């Protein structure tokens, strides 16, 4: 939602163990956004995961734990607002990738 580029560090943990870490450049909102999939190394086991995202030099961070209401397949979107801070981290359990 921002017209600036941001560098975001993403970390996925489960039971206190870090399972996945990456850094991605999020281009302005009018450009194609990066997508991370299991082929990139995302964990896929049935368990609770905490997803954390940190902007640039620690300017802002957000964390959420999934699943929240059951389900075993989620798409999670990390959104940066027009003010350059994290807006939210919504999830979707009924998306195309869950059928594969």
PDB file of N, CA and C in Angstrom:
ATOM      1  N   UNK A   1       0.814  -1.192   0.000  1.00  0.00           N
ATOM      2  CA  UNK A   1       0.000   0.000   0.000  1.00  0.00           C
ATOM      3  C   UNK A   1       0.860   1.260   0.000  1.00  0.00           C
ATOM      4  N   UNK A   2       2.175   1.099  -0.023  1.00  0.00           N
ATOM      5  CA  UNK A   2       3.086   2.229   0.031  1.00  0.00           C
ATOM      6  C   UNK A   2       3.735   2.406  -1.332  1.00  0.00           C
ATOM      7  N   UNK A   3       4.116   3.625  -1.666  1.00  0.00           N
ATOM      8  CA  UNK A   3       4.749   3.864  -2.960  1.00  0.00           C
ATOM      9  C   UNK A   3       6.272   3.861  -2.876  1.00  0.00           C
ATOM     10  N   UNK A   4       6.796   3.356  -1.746  1.00  0.00           N
ATOM     11  CA  UNK A   4       8.246   3.226  -1.562  1.00  0.00           C
ATOM     12  C   UNK A   4       8.624   1.743  -1.465  1.00  0.00           C
ATOM     13  N   UNK A   5       9.879   1.450  -1.711  1.00  0.00           N
ATOM     14  CA  UNK A   5      10.410   0.093  -1.562  1.00  0.00           C
ATOM     15  C   UNK A   5      10.805  -0.122  -0.107  1.00  0.00           C
ATOM     16  N   UNK A   6      10.556  -1.325   0.414  1.00  0.00           N
ATOM     17  CA  UNK A   6      10.923  -1.670   1.787  1.00  0.00           C
ATOM     18  C   UNK A   6      11.652  -3.006   1.803  1.00  0.00           C
ATOM     19  N   UNK A   7      12.600  -3.153   2.704  1.00  0.00           N
ATOM     20  CA  UNK A   7      13.282  -4.422   2.933  1.00  0.00           C
ATOM     21  C   UNK A   7      12.643  -5.029   4.184  1.00  0.00           C
ATOM     22  N   UNK A   8      12.182  -6.271   4.065  1.00  0.00           N
ATOM     23  CA  UNK A   8      11.483  -6.936   5.163  1.00  0.00           C
ATOM     24  C   UNK A   8      12.188  -8.250   5.488  1.00  0.00           C
ATOM     25  N   UNK A   9      12.516  -8.439   6.756  1.00  0.00           N
ATOM     26  CA  UNK A   9      13.049  -9.722   7.211  1.00  0.00           C
ATOM     27  C   UNK A   9      11.875 -10.528   7.746  1.00  0.00           C
ATOM     28  N   UNK A  10      11.756 -11.757   7.279  1.00  0.00           N
ATOM     29  CA  UNK A  10      10.660 -12.645   7.673  1.00  0.00           C
ATOM     30  C   UNK A  10      11.250 -13.852   8.386  1.00  0.00           C
ATOM     31  N   UNK A  11      10.630 -14.202   9.493  1.00  0.00           N
ATOM     32  CA  UNK A  11      11.086 -15.344  10.283  1.00  0.00           C
ATOM     33  C   UNK A  11       9.874 -16.183  10.670  1.00  0.00           C
ATOM     34  N   UNK A  12      10.011 -17.497  10.568  1.00  0.00           N
ATOM     35  CA  UNK A  12       8.949 -18.410  10.967  1.00  0.00           C
ATOM     36  C   UNK A  12       9.484 -19.326  12.053  1.00  0.00           C
ATOM     37  N   UNK A  13       8.751 -19.367  13.165  1.00  0.00           N
ATOM     38  CA  UNK A  13       9.136 -20.189  14.301  1.00  0.00           C
ATOM     39  C   UNK A  13       7.988 -21.112  14.687  1.00  0.00           C
ATOM     40  N   UNK A  14       8.349 -22.198  15.339  1.00  0.00           N
ATOM     41  CA  UNK A  14       7.371 -23.109  15.920  1.00  0.00           C
ATOM     42  C   UNK A  14       7.995 -23.697  17.172  1.00  0.00           C
ATOM     43  N   UNK A  15       7.261 -23.666  18.269  1.00  0.00           N
ATOM     44  CA  UNK A  15       7.741 -24.175  19.559  1.00  0.00           C
ATOM     45  C   UNK A  15       9.103 -23.582  19.929  1.00  0.00           C
ATOM     46  N   UNK A  16       9.294 -22.285  19.640  1.00  0.00           N
ATOM     47  CA  UNK A  16      10.534 -21.606  19.996  1.00  0.00           C
ATOM     48  C   UNK A  16      11.706 -21.856  19.064  1.00  0.00           C
ATOM     49  N   UNK A  17      11.529 -22.681  18.058  1.00  0.00           N
ATOM     50  CA  UNK A  17      12.595 -23.009  17.113  1.00  0.00           C
ATOM     51  C   UNK A  17      12.402 -22.223  15.817  1.00  0.00           C
ATOM     52  N   UNK A  18      13.462 -21.572  15.340  1.00  0.00           N
ATOM     53  CA  UNK A  18      13.401 -20.861  14.068  1.00  0.00           C
ATOM     54  C   UNK A  18      13.530 -21.872  12.936  1.00  0.00           C
ATOM     55  N   UNK A  19      12.510 -21.912  12.074  1.00  0.00           N
ATOM     56  CA  UNK A  19      12.477 -22.884  10.983  1.00  0.00           C
ATOM     57  C   UNK A  19      12.793 -22.275   9.621  1.00  0.00           C
ATOM     58  N   UNK A  20      12.606 -20.960   9.506  1.00  0.00           N
ATOM     59  CA  UNK A  20      12.788 -20.319   8.202  1.00  0.00           C
ATOM     60  C   UNK A  20      13.064 -18.838   8.426  1.00  0.00           C
ATOM     61  N   UNK A  21      14.037 -18.312   7.700  1.00  0.00           N
ATOM     62  CA  UNK A  21      14.351 -16.883   7.730  1.00  0.00           C
ATOM     63  C   UNK A  21      14.706 -16.443   6.318  1.00  0.00           C
ATOM     64  N   UNK A  22      14.196 -15.298   5.927  1.00  0.00           N
ATOM     65  CA  UNK A  22      14.551 -14.727   4.627  1.00  0.00           C
ATOM     66  C   UNK A  22      14.395 -13.222   4.695  1.00  0.00           C
ATOM     67  N   UNK A  23      15.007 -12.543   3.759  1.00  0.00           N
ATOM     68  CA  UNK A  23      14.847 -11.108   3.612  1.00  0.00           C
ATOM     69  C   UNK A  23      14.355 -10.850   2.191  1.00  0.00           C
ATOM     70  N   UNK A  24      13.315 -10.044   2.080  1.00  0.00           N
ATOM     71  CA  UNK A  24      12.728  -9.745   0.776  1.00  0.00           C
ATOM     72  C   UNK A  24      12.589  -8.246   0.590  1.00  0.00           C
ATOM     73  N   UNK A  25      12.745  -7.828  -0.644  1.00  0.00           N
ATOM     74  CA  UNK A  25      12.480  -6.446  -0.999  1.00  0.00           C
ATOM     75  C   UNK A  25      11.028  -6.351  -1.441  1.00  0.00           C
ATOM     76  N   UNK A  26      10.281  -5.480  -0.786  1.00  0.00           N
ATOM     77  CA  UNK A  26       8.901  -5.233  -1.173  1.00  0.00           C
ATOM     78  C   UNK A  26       8.887  -3.958  -2.012  1.00  0.00           C
ATOM     79  N   UNK A  27       8.628  -4.086  -3.321  1.00  0.00           N
ATOM     80  CA  UNK A  27       8.617  -2.903  -4.180  1.00  0.00           C
ATOM     81  C   UNK A  27       7.358  -2.057  -3.919  1.00  0.00           C
ATOM     82  N   UNK A  28       7.270  -0.875  -4.531  1.00  0.00           N
ATOM     83  CA  UNK A  28       6.052  -0.072  -4.379  1.00  0.00           C
ATOM     84  C   UNK A  28       4.814  -0.893  -4.724  1.00  0.00           C
ATOM     85  N   UNK A  29       3.680  -0.500  -4.158  1.00  0.00           N
ATOM     86  CA  UNK A  29       2.456  -1.307  -4.263  1.00  0.00           C
ATOM     87  C   UNK A  29       1.958  -1.508  -5.689  1.00  0.00           C
ATOM     88  N   UNK A  30       2.355  -0.677  -6.623  1.00  0.00           N
ATOM     89  CA  UNK A  30       1.891  -0.844  -8.003  1.00  0.00           C
ATOM     90  C   UNK A  30       2.731  -1.846  -8.797  1.00  0.00           C
ATOM     91  N   UNK A  31       3.727  -2.455  -8.152  1.00  0.00           N
ATOM     92  CA  UNK A  31       4.575  -3.453  -8.810  1.00  0.00           C
ATOM     93  C   UNK A  31       4.267  -4.851  -8.277  1.00  0.00           C
ATOM     94  N   UNK A  32       4.734  -5.872  -8.972  1.00  0.00           N
ATOM     95  CA  UNK A  32       4.523  -7.255  -8.549  1.00  0.00           C
ATOM     96  C   UNK A  32       5.243  -7.499  -7.234  1.00  0.00           C
ATOM     97  N   UNK A  33       4.534  -8.066  -6.276  1.00  0.00           N
ATOM     98  CA  UNK A  33       5.075  -8.293  -4.943  1.00  0.00           C
ATOM     99  C   UNK A  33       5.678  -9.701  -4.842  1.00  0.00           C
ATOM    100  N   UNK A  34       6.685  -9.885  -3.991  1.00  0.00           N
ATOM    101  CA  UNK A  34       7.308 -11.209  -3.848  1.00  0.00           C
ATOM    102  C   UNK A  34       6.355 -12.195  -3.179  1.00  0.00           C
ATOM    103  N   UNK A  35       6.484 -13.450  -3.568  1.00  0.00           N
ATOM    104  CA  UNK A  35       5.700 -14.537  -2.990  1.00  0.00           C
ATOM    105  C   UNK A  35       6.686 -15.605  -2.536  1.00  0.00           C
ATOM    106  N   UNK A  36       6.495 -16.093  -1.320  1.00  0.00           N
ATOM    107  CA  UNK A  36       7.351 -17.152  -0.781  1.00  0.00           C
ATOM    108  C   UNK A  36       6.502 -18.409  -0.680  1.00  0.00           C
ATOM    109  N   UNK A  37       7.007 -19.524  -1.188  1.00  0.00           N
ATOM    110  CA  UNK A  37       6.255 -20.776  -1.220  1.00  0.00           C
ATOM    111  C   UNK A  37       7.086 -21.905  -0.589  1.00  0.00           C
ATOM    112  N   UNK A  38       6.500 -23.089  -0.424  1.00  0.00           N
ATOM    113  CA  UNK A  38       7.275 -24.222   0.103  1.00  0.00           C
ATOM    114  C   UNK A  38       8.525 -24.534  -0.721  1.00  0.00           C
ATOM    115  N   UNK A  39       8.522 -24.228  -2.011  1.00  0.00           N
ATOM    116  CA  UNK A  39       9.726 -24.472  -2.811  1.00  0.00           C
ATOM    117  C   UNK A  39      10.880 -23.566  -2.384  1.00  0.00           C
ATOM    118  N   UNK A  40      10.567 -22.484  -1.663  1.00  0.00           N
ATOM    119  CA  UNK A  40      11.596 -21.590  -1.118  1.00  0.00           C
ATOM    120  C   UNK A  40      12.107 -22.064   0.236  1.00  0.00           C
ATOM    121  N   UNK A  41      11.483 -23.121   0.767  1.00  0.00           N
ATOM    122  CA  UNK A  41      11.909 -23.649   2.055  1.00  0.00           C
ATOM    123  C   UNK A  41      10.919 -23.435   3.187  1.00  0.00           C
ATOM    124  N   UNK A  42       9.743 -22.891   2.890  1.00  0.00           N
ATOM    125  CA  UNK A  42       8.739 -22.712   3.943  1.00  0.00           C
ATOM    126  C   UNK A  42       8.395 -24.052   4.575  1.00  0.00           C
ATOM    127  N   UNK A  43       8.256 -24.109   5.885  1.00  0.00           N
ATOM    128  CA  UNK A  43       7.855 -25.359   6.537  1.00  0.00           C
ATOM    129  C   UNK A  43       6.394 -25.671   6.208  1.00  0.00           C
ATOM    130  N   UNK A  44       6.076 -26.951   6.110  1.00  0.00           N
ATOM    131  CA  UNK A  44       4.720 -27.348   5.721  1.00  0.00           C
ATOM    132  C   UNK A  44       4.066 -28.333   6.684  1.00  0.00           C
ATOM    133  N   UNK A  45       4.749 -28.684   7.767  1.00  0.00           N
ATOM    134  CA  UNK A  45       4.176 -29.625   8.720  1.00  0.00           C
ATOM    135  C   UNK A  45       2.963 -29.054   9.431  1.00  0.00           C
ATOM    136  N   UNK A  46       2.096 -29.946   9.929  1.00  0.00           N
ATOM    137  CA  UNK A  46       0.912 -29.517  10.661  1.00  0.00           C
ATOM    138  C   UNK A  46       1.302 -29.149  12.084  1.00  0.00           C
ATOM    139  N   UNK A  47       1.431 -27.857  12.344  1.00  0.00           N
ATOM    140  CA  UNK A  47       1.768 -27.339  13.668  1.00  0.00           C
ATOM    141  C   UNK A  47       1.473 -25.852  13.702  1.00  0.00           C
ATOM    142  N   UNK A  48       1.559 -25.249  14.863  1.00  0.00           N
ATOM    143  CA  UNK A  48       1.380 -23.795  14.977  1.00  0.00           C
ATOM    144  C   UNK A  48       2.687 -23.104  14.605  1.00  0.00           C
ATOM    145  N   UNK A  49       2.562 -22.031  13.824  1.00  0.00           N
ATOM    146  CA  UNK A  49       3.715 -21.256  13.392  1.00  0.00           C
ATOM    147  C   UNK A  49       3.533 -19.799  13.787  1.00  0.00           C
ATOM    148  N   UNK A  50       4.603 -19.187  14.233  1.00  0.00           N
ATOM    149  CA  UNK A  50       4.600 -17.751  14.472  1.00  0.00           C
ATOM    150  C   UNK A  50       5.400 -17.106  13.362  1.00  0.00           C
ATOM    151  N   UNK A  51       4.753 -16.205  12.638  1.00  0.00           N
ATOM    152  CA  UNK A  51       5.394 -15.492  11.539  1.00  0.00           C
ATOM    153  C   UNK A  51       5.695 -14.083  12.029  1.00  0.00           C
ATOM    154  N   UNK A  52       6.960 -13.683  11.919  1.00  0.00           N
ATOM    155  CA  UNK A  52       7.395 -12.354  12.329  1.00  0.00           C
ATOM    156  C   UNK A  52       7.980 -11.644  11.124  1.00  0.00           C
ATOM    157  N   UNK A  53       7.697 -10.359  11.024  1.00  0.00           N
ATOM    158  CA  UNK A  53       8.274  -9.542   9.962  1.00  0.00           C
ATOM    159  C   UNK A  53       8.826  -8.270  10.589  1.00  0.00           C
ATOM    160  N   UNK A  54      10.011  -7.871  10.141  1.00  0.00           N
ATOM    161  CA  UNK A  54      10.657  -6.667  10.649  1.00  0.00           C
ATOM    162  C   UNK A  54      11.057  -5.800   9.458  1.00  0.00           C
ATOM    163  N   UNK A  55      10.718  -4.517   9.517  1.00  0.00           N
ATOM    164  CA  UNK A  55      11.071  -3.576   8.456  1.00  0.00           C
ATOM    165  C   UNK A  55      12.490  -3.058   8.618  1.00  0.00           C
ATOM    166  N   UNK A  56      13.149  -2.845   7.479  1.00  0.00           N
ATOM    167  CA  UNK A  56      14.470  -2.231   7.379  1.00  0.00           C
ATOM    168  C   UNK A  56      15.343  -2.410   8.608  1.00  0.00           C
ATOM    169  N   UNK A  57      15.605  -1.354   9.302  1.00  0.00           N
ATOM    170  CA  UNK A  57      16.517  -1.361  10.440  1.00  0.00           C
ATOM    171  C   UNK A  57      15.768  -1.532  11.762  1.00  0.00           C
ATOM    172  N   UNK A  58      14.725  -2.350  11.771  1.00  0.00           N
ATOM    173  CA  UNK A  58      13.961  -2.558  12.990  1.00  0.00           C
ATOM    174  C   UNK A  58      12.974  -1.439  13.264  1.00  0.00           C
ATOM    175  N   UNK A  59      12.650  -0.659  12.231  1.00  0.00           N
ATOM    176  CA  UNK A  59      11.745   0.481  12.377  1.00  0.00           C
ATOM    177  C   UNK A  59      10.349   0.064  12.822  1.00  0.00           C
ATOM    178  N   UNK A  60       9.916  -1.110  12.446  1.00  0.00           N
ATOM    179  CA  UNK A  60       8.593  -1.610  12.817  1.00  0.00           C
ATOM    180  C   UNK A  60       8.631  -3.125  12.694  1.00  0.00           C
ATOM    181  N   UNK A  61       7.799  -3.785  13.474  1.00  0.00           N
ATOM    182  CA  UNK A  61       7.700  -5.246  13.379  1.00  0.00           C
ATOM    183  C   UNK A  61       6.270  -5.667  13.678  1.00  0.00           C
ATOM    184  N   UNK A  62       5.953  -6.879  13.233  1.00  0.00           N
ATOM    185  CA  UNK A  62       4.632  -7.454  13.425  1.00  0.00           C
ATOM    186  C   UNK A  62       4.814  -8.960  13.545  1.00  0.00           C
ATOM    187  N   UNK A  63       3.980  -9.608  14.348  1.00  0.00           N
ATOM    188  CA  UNK A  63       4.051 -11.071  14.492  1.00  0.00           C
ATOM    189  C   UNK A  63       2.637 -11.603  14.704  1.00  0.00           C
ATOM    190  N   UNK A  64       2.373 -12.746  14.123  1.00  0.00           N
ATOM    191  CA  UNK A  64       1.084 -13.429  14.283  1.00  0.00           C
ATOM    192  C   UNK A  64       1.345 -14.928  14.345  1.00  0.00           C
ATOM    193  N   UNK A  65       0.472 -15.640  15.057  1.00  0.00           N
ATOM    194  CA  UNK A  65       0.569 -17.100  15.144  1.00  0.00           C
ATOM    195  C   UNK A  65      -0.602 -17.721  14.410  1.00  0.00           C
ATOM    196  N   UNK A  66      -0.309 -18.712  13.580  1.00  0.00           N
ATOM    197  CA  UNK A  66      -1.310 -19.417  12.781  1.00  0.00           C
ATOM    198  C   UNK A  66      -1.178 -20.911  13.011  1.00  0.00           C
ATOM    199  N   UNK A  67      -2.195 -21.724  12.883  1.00  0.00           N
ATOM    200  CA  UNK A  67      -3.565 -21.319  12.587  1.00  0.00           C
ATOM    201  C   UNK A  67      -4.236 -20.689  13.797  1.00  0.00           C
ATOM    202  N   UNK A  68      -5.217 -19.853  13.510  1.00  0.00           N
ATOM    203  CA  UNK A  68      -5.949 -19.194  14.583  1.00  0.00           C
ATOM    204  C   UNK A  68      -7.270 -19.896  14.872  1.00  0.00           C
ATOM    205  N   UNK A  69      -7.901 -20.416  13.846  1.00  0.00           N
ATOM    206  CA  UNK A  69      -9.199 -21.081  14.013  1.00  0.00           C
ATOM    207  C   UNK A  69      -9.234 -22.442  13.325  1.00  0.00           C
ATOM    208  N   UNK A  70      -8.207 -23.219  13.476  1.00  0.00           N
ATOM    209  CA  UNK A  70      -8.150 -24.515  12.802  1.00  0.00           C
ATOM    210  C   UNK A  70      -7.639 -24.368  11.387  1.00  0.00           C
ATOM    211  N   UNK A  71      -7.719 -25.422  10.638  1.00  0.00           N
ATOM    212  CA  UNK A  71      -7.217 -25.402   9.268  1.00  0.00           C
ATOM    213  C   UNK A  71      -5.760 -25.815   9.233  1.00  0.00           C
ATOM    214  N   UNK A  72      -5.318 -26.246   8.082  1.00  0.00           N
ATOM    215  CA  UNK A  72      -3.941 -26.720   7.967  1.00  0.00           C
ATOM    216  C   UNK A  72      -3.189 -26.127   6.781  1.00  0.00           C
ATOM    217  N   UNK A  73      -3.770 -25.119   6.128  1.00  0.00           N
ATOM    218  CA  UNK A  73      -3.115 -24.502   4.983  1.00  0.00           C
ATOM    219  C   UNK A  73      -3.505 -23.025   4.959  1.00  0.00           C
ATOM    220  N   UNK A  74      -2.498 -22.157   4.972  1.00  0.00           N
ATOM    221  CA  UNK A  74      -2.752 -20.728   5.025  1.00  0.00           C
ATOM    222  C   UNK A  74      -1.901 -19.963   4.022  1.00  0.00           C
ATOM    223  N   UNK A  75      -2.495 -18.913   3.485  1.00  0.00           N
ATOM    224  CA  UNK A  75      -1.757 -17.897   2.749  1.00  0.00           C
ATOM    225  C   UNK A  75      -1.726 -16.690   3.676  1.00  0.00           C
ATOM    226  N   UNK A  76      -0.550 -16.150   3.913  1.00  0.00           N
ATOM    227  CA  UNK A  76      -0.396 -15.002   4.803  1.00  0.00           C
ATOM    228  C   UNK A  76       0.163 -13.846   3.989  1.00  0.00           C
ATOM    229  N   UNK A  77      -0.433 -12.668   4.147  1.00  0.00           N
ATOM    230  CA  UNK A  77      -0.004 -11.469   3.436  1.00  0.00           C
ATOM    231  C   UNK A  77       0.545 -10.470   4.444  1.00  0.00           C
ATOM    232  N   UNK A  78       1.709  -9.941   4.173  1.00  0.00           N
ATOM    233  CA  UNK A  78       2.299  -8.905   5.020  1.00  0.00           C
ATOM    234  C   UNK A  78       2.078  -7.581   4.298  1.00  0.00           C
ATOM    235  N   UNK A  79       1.334  -6.676   4.949  1.00  0.00           N
ATOM    236  CA  UNK A  79       1.006  -5.412   4.286  1.00  0.00           C
ATOM    237  C   UNK A  79       1.636  -4.218   5.003  1.00  0.00           C
ATOM    238  N   UNK A  80       2.239  -3.351   4.186  1.00  0.00           N
ATOM    239  CA  UNK A  80       2.817  -2.106   4.679  1.00  0.00           C
ATOM    240  C   UNK A  80       1.867  -0.982   4.279  1.00  0.00           C
ATOM    241  N   UNK A  81       1.484  -0.159   5.251  1.00  0.00           N
ATOM    242  CA  UNK A  81       0.562   0.941   4.993  1.00  0.00           C
ATOM    243  C   UNK A  81       1.228   2.112   4.289  1.00  0.00           C
ATOM    244  N   UNK A  82       0.428   3.100   3.937  1.00  0.00           N
ATOM    245  CA  UNK A  82       0.934   4.282   3.238  1.00  0.00           C
ATOM    246  C   UNK A  82       1.905   5.090   4.091  1.00  0.00           C
ATOM    247  N   UNK A  83       1.901   4.848   5.410  1.00  0.00           N
ATOM    248  CA  UNK A  83       2.829   5.548   6.303  1.00  0.00           C
ATOM    249  C   UNK A  83       4.177   4.837   6.424  1.00  0.00           C
ATOM    250  N   UNK A  84       4.351   3.725   5.699  1.00  0.00           N
ATOM    251  CA  UNK A  84       5.607   2.986   5.731  1.00  0.00           C
ATOM    252  C   UNK A  84       5.745   2.061   6.928  1.00  0.00           C
ATOM    253  N   UNK A  85       4.673   1.836   7.678  1.00  0.00           N
ATOM    254  CA  UNK A  85       4.662   0.934   8.827  1.00  0.00           C
ATOM    255  C   UNK A  85       3.781  -0.263   8.483  1.00  0.00           C
ATOM    256  N   UNK A  86       3.990  -1.378   9.211  1.00  0.00           N
ATOM    257  CA  UNK A  86       3.150  -2.537   8.952  1.00  0.00           C
ATOM    258  C   UNK A  86       1.695  -2.182   9.244  1.00  0.00           C
ATOM    259  N   UNK A  87       0.831  -2.574   8.351  1.00  0.00           N
ATOM    260  CA  UNK A  87      -0.597  -2.330   8.538  1.00  0.00           C
ATOM    261  C   UNK A  87      -1.237  -3.512   9.231  1.00  0.00           C
ATOM    262  N   UNK A  88      -1.003  -4.715   8.686  1.00  0.00           N
ATOM    263  CA  UNK A  88      -1.558  -5.928   9.267  1.00  0.00           C
ATOM    264  C   UNK A  88      -0.927  -7.143   8.593  1.00  0.00           C
ATOM    265  N   UNK A  89      -1.357  -8.328   9.013  1.00  0.00           N
ATOM    266  CA  UNK A  89      -0.850  -9.576   8.446  1.00  0.00           C
ATOM    267  C   UNK A  89      -2.032 -10.551   8.347  1.00  0.00           C
ATOM    268  N   UNK A  90      -2.950 -10.305   7.402  1.00  0.00           N
ATOM    269  CA  UNK A  90      -4.120 -11.178   7.279  1.00  0.00           C
ATOM    270  C   UNK A  90      -3.757 -12.544   6.708  1.00  0.00           C
ATOM    271  N   UNK A  91      -4.611 -13.522   7.011  1.00  0.00           N
ATOM    272  CA  UNK A  91      -4.402 -14.862   6.472  1.00  0.00           C
ATOM    273  C   UNK A  91      -5.662 -15.315   5.752  1.00  0.00           C
ATOM    274  N   UNK A  92      -5.464 -16.254   4.845  1.00  0.00           N
ATOM    275  CA  UNK A  92      -6.565 -16.813   4.059  1.00  0.00           C
ATOM    276  C   UNK A  92      -6.385 -18.319   4.021  1.00  0.00           C
ATOM    277  N   UNK A  93      -7.409 -19.051   4.448  1.00  0.00           N
ATOM    278  CA  UNK A  93      -7.281 -20.511   4.455  1.00  0.00           C
ATOM    279  C   UNK A  93      -7.896 -21.154   3.227  1.00  0.00           C
ATOM    280  N   UNK A  94      -8.676 -20.438   2.472  1.00  0.00           N
ATOM    281  CA  UNK A  94      -9.318 -21.008   1.283  1.00  0.00           C
ATOM    282  C   UNK A  94      -8.744 -20.326   0.041  1.00  0.00           C
ATOM    283  N   UNK A  95      -7.486 -20.601  -0.235  1.00  0.00           N
ATOM    284  CA  UNK A  95      -6.865 -20.002  -1.415  1.00  0.00           C
ATOM    285  C   UNK A  95      -6.389 -21.116  -2.339  1.00  0.00           C
ATOM    286  N   UNK A  96      -6.107 -20.765  -3.561  1.00  0.00           N
ATOM    287  CA  UNK A  96      -5.752 -21.726  -4.613  1.00  0.00           C
ATOM    288  C   UNK A  96      -4.599 -22.655  -4.232  1.00  0.00           C
ATOM    289  N   UNK A  97      -3.568 -22.160  -3.544  1.00  0.00           N
ATOM    290  CA  UNK A  97      -2.415 -22.959  -3.181  1.00  0.00           C
ATOM    291  C   UNK A  97      -2.726 -24.097  -2.233  1.00  0.00           C
ATOM    292  N   UNK A  98      -3.825 -24.015  -1.484  1.00  0.00           N
ATOM    293  CA  UNK A  98      -4.188 -25.080  -0.542  1.00  0.00           C
ATOM    294  C   UNK A  98      -4.732 -26.310  -1.255  1.00  0.00           C
ATOM    295  N   UNK A  99      -5.118 -26.174  -2.479  1.00  0.00           N
ATOM    296  CA  UNK A  99      -5.678 -27.297  -3.224  1.00  0.00           C
ATOM    297  C   UNK A  99      -4.602 -28.147  -3.878  1.00  0.00           C
ATOM    298  N   UNK A 100      -3.355 -27.722  -3.783  1.00  0.00           N
ATOM    299  CA  UNK A 100      -2.280 -28.443  -4.479  1.00  0.00           C
ATOM    300  C   UNK A 100      -1.625 -29.436  -3.566  1.00  0.00           C
TER     301      UNK A 100
END
